[in-house]
C-alpha atoms as a PDB file:
ATOM      1  CA  UNK A   1      19.036   2.093  45.329  1.00  0.00           C
ATOM      2  CA  UNK A   2      19.257  -1.348  43.488  1.00  0.00           C
ATOM      3  CA  UNK A   3      16.466  -3.019  41.723  1.00  0.00           C
ATOM      4  CA  UNK A   4      14.331  -5.668  43.465  1.00  0.00           C
ATOM      5  CA  UNK A   5      12.961  -8.462  41.367  1.00  0.00           C
ATOM      6  CA  UNK A   6       9.605 -10.164  42.170  1.00  0.00           C
ATOM      7  CA  UNK A   7       9.682 -13.691  40.988  1.00  0.00           C
ATOM      8  CA  UNK A   8       6.843 -15.766  39.860  1.00  0.00           C
ATOM      9  CA  UNK A   9       9.067 -18.900  40.189  1.00  0.00           C
ATOM     10  CA  UNK A  10       8.745 -18.906  44.060  1.00  0.00           C
ATOM     11  CA  UNK A  11       6.019 -21.638  44.512  1.00  0.00           C
ATOM     12  CA  UNK A  12       3.959 -21.075  41.240  1.00  0.00           C
ATOM     13  CA  UNK A  13       4.389 -23.301  38.350  1.00  0.00           C
ATOM     14  CA  UNK A  14       2.950 -20.823  35.840  1.00  0.00           C
ATOM     15  CA  UNK A  15       0.968 -17.426  35.525  1.00  0.00           C
ATOM     16  CA  UNK A  16      -2.382 -19.204  35.924  1.00  0.00           C
ATOM     17  CA  UNK A  17      -1.262 -20.823  39.262  1.00  0.00           C
ATOM     18  CA  UNK A  18      -0.152 -17.444  40.527  1.00  0.00           C
ATOM     19  CA  UNK A  19      -3.508 -15.783  39.545  1.00  0.00           C
ATOM     20  CA  UNK A  20      -5.574 -18.785  40.999  1.00  0.00           C
ATOM     21  CA  UNK A  21      -3.652 -18.297  44.190  1.00  0.00           C
ATOM     22  CA  UNK A  22      -4.293 -14.571  44.491  1.00  0.00           C
ATOM     23  CA  UNK A  23      -7.994 -15.177  44.055  1.00  0.00           C
ATOM     24  CA  UNK A  24      -8.117 -17.363  47.163  1.00  0.00           C
ATOM     25  CA  UNK A  25      -6.073 -15.328  49.556  1.00  0.00           C
ATOM     26  CA  UNK A  26      -8.401 -13.389  52.035  1.00  0.00           C
ATOM     27  CA  UNK A  27      -5.789 -10.945  53.300  1.00  0.00           C
ATOM     28  CA  UNK A  28      -3.653  -9.975  50.560  1.00  0.00           C
ATOM     29  CA  UNK A  29      -0.343  -8.573  51.515  1.00  0.00           C
ATOM     30  CA  UNK A  30       0.684  -5.239  49.851  1.00  0.00           C
ATOM     31  CA  UNK A  31       3.331  -7.167  47.877  1.00  0.00           C
ATOM     32  CA  UNK A  32       0.857  -9.707  46.544  1.00  0.00           C
ATOM     33  CA  UNK A  33      -1.454  -7.064  45.510  1.00  0.00           C
ATOM     34  CA  UNK A  34       1.226  -5.182  43.653  1.00  0.00           C
ATOM     35  CA  UNK A  35       2.294  -8.442  41.930  1.00  0.00           C
ATOM     36  CA  UNK A  36      -1.287  -9.225  40.887  1.00  0.00           C
ATOM     37  CA  UNK A  37      -1.747  -5.661  39.511  1.00  0.00           C
ATOM     38  CA  UNK A  38       1.576  -5.656  37.627  1.00  0.00           C
ATOM     39  CA  UNK A  39       0.621  -9.178  36.031  1.00  0.00           C
ATOM     40  CA  UNK A  40      -2.636  -8.117  34.994  1.00  0.00           C
ATOM     41  CA  UNK A  41      -1.391  -4.755  33.391  1.00  0.00           C
ATOM     42  CA  UNK A  42       1.458  -6.727  31.892  1.00  0.00           C
ATOM     43  CA  UNK A  43      -0.812  -9.103  30.236  1.00  0.00           C
ATOM     44  CA  UNK A  44      -3.070  -6.176  29.000  1.00  0.00           C
ATOM     45  CA  UNK A  45      -0.384  -3.749  27.779  1.00  0.00           C
ATOM     46  CA  UNK A  46       2.961  -5.717  27.019  1.00  0.00           C
ATOM     47  CA  UNK A  47       1.644  -8.643  25.020  1.00  0.00           C
ATOM     48  CA  UNK A  48       0.734  -8.796  21.260  1.00  0.00           C
ATOM     49  CA  UNK A  49      -2.855  -9.890  20.604  1.00  0.00           C
ATOM     50  CA  UNK A  50      -1.259 -13.293  19.485  1.00  0.00           C
ATOM     51  CA  UNK A  51       0.636 -13.705  22.619  1.00  0.00           C
ATOM     52  CA  UNK A  52      -2.276 -13.103  24.774  1.00  0.00           C
ATOM     53  CA  UNK A  53      -4.236 -15.681  22.894  1.00  0.00           C
ATOM     54  CA  UNK A  54      -1.443 -18.232  23.371  1.00  0.00           C
ATOM     55  CA  UNK A  55      -1.180 -17.365  27.085  1.00  0.00           C
ATOM     56  CA  UNK A  56      -4.741 -17.417  27.594  1.00  0.00           C
ATOM     57  CA  UNK A  57      -5.112 -20.879  25.790  1.00  0.00           C
ATOM     58  CA  UNK A  58      -2.035 -22.435  27.310  1.00  0.00           C
ATOM     59  CA  UNK A  59      -2.127 -21.353  30.884  1.00  0.00           C
ATOM     60  CA  UNK A  60      -5.694 -20.610  31.446  1.00  0.00           C
ATOM     61  CA  UNK A  61      -7.392 -22.849  29.143  1.00  0.00           C
ATOM     62  CA  UNK A  62      -4.618 -25.754  29.705  1.00  0.00           C
ATOM     63  CA  UNK A  63      -4.632 -26.410  26.113  1.00  0.00           C
ATOM     64  CA  UNK A  64      -1.832 -28.338  24.440  1.00  0.00           C
ATOM     65  CA  UNK A  65       0.375 -26.763  22.110  1.00  0.00           C
ATOM     66  CA  UNK A  66      -0.639 -28.622  19.197  1.00  0.00           C
ATOM     67  CA  UNK A  67      -4.399 -27.638  19.738  1.00  0.00           C
ATOM     68  CA  UNK A  68      -3.404 -24.029  20.025  1.00  0.00           C
ATOM     69  CA  UNK A  69      -1.445 -24.279  16.836  1.00  0.00           C
ATOM     70  CA  UNK A  70      -4.421 -25.739  14.955  1.00  0.00           C
ATOM     71  CA  UNK A  71      -6.771 -23.351  16.288  1.00  0.00           C
ATOM     72  CA  UNK A  72      -4.764 -20.303  15.295  1.00  0.00           C
ATOM     73  CA  UNK A  73      -3.416 -21.882  12.139  1.00  0.00           C
ATOM     74  CA  UNK A  74       0.192 -21.364  12.968  1.00  0.00           C
ATOM     75  CA  UNK A  75       3.027 -24.039  13.670  1.00  0.00           C
ATOM     76  CA  UNK A  76       3.697 -25.448  17.280  1.00  0.00           C
ATOM     77  CA  UNK A  77       7.009 -23.929  17.237  1.00  0.00           C
ATOM     78  CA  UNK A  78       5.408 -20.491  16.636  1.00  0.00           C
ATOM     79  CA  UNK A  79       3.234 -21.005  19.533  1.00  0.00           C
ATOM     80  CA  UNK A  80       6.317 -21.824  21.693  1.00  0.00           C
ATOM     81  CA  UNK A  81       7.968 -18.681  20.735  1.00  0.00           C
ATOM     82  CA  UNK A  82       4.842 -16.588  21.398  1.00  0.00           C
ATOM     83  CA  UNK A  83       4.558 -18.029  24.909  1.00  0.00           C
ATOM     84  CA  UNK A  84       8.351 -17.678  25.400  1.00  0.00           C
ATOM     85  CA  UNK A  85       8.173 -14.018  24.528  1.00  0.00           C
ATOM     86  CA  UNK A  86       5.099 -13.265  26.539  1.00  0.00           C
ATOM     87  CA  UNK A  87       6.710 -14.710  29.737  1.00  0.00           C
ATOM     88  CA  UNK A  88       9.833 -12.699  29.087  1.00  0.00           C
ATOM     89  CA  UNK A  89       7.634  -9.482  28.596  1.00  0.00           C
ATOM     90  CA  UNK A  90       5.898 -10.363  31.826  1.00  0.00           C
ATOM     91  CA  UNK A  91       9.084 -11.137  33.620  1.00  0.00           C
ATOM     92  CA  UNK A  92      10.408  -7.659  32.578  1.00  0.00           C
ATOM     93  CA  UNK A  93       7.322  -5.977  34.067  1.00  0.00           C
ATOM     94  CA  UNK A  94       8.174  -7.415  37.311  1.00  0.00           C
ATOM     95  CA  UNK A  95      11.312  -5.583  37.638  1.00  0.00           C
ATOM     96  CA  UNK A  96      10.644  -2.245  39.712  1.00  0.00           C
ATOM     97  CA  UNK A  97      12.738   0.272  41.643  1.00  0.00           C
END
């Protein structure tokens, strides 16, 4: 049996838009419920604390990278790296058998 890949890129700009979408759906499909559960679990278990902070500030708080960098006392390029690595970790969590 091959791998099935669930993609966040189909109609969702980012992680926050996916979560907002799932909050507003009345009758969630089994696939949508599974995607939501995997996403929440990935954020909790697969990300470092710094990656979680960057993801929360960037996607949920809609903060610009420069503000995140100032608040966390890191360079903007480091913020981009944390976000990129976090997104890759989340994407890996969406591959299932």
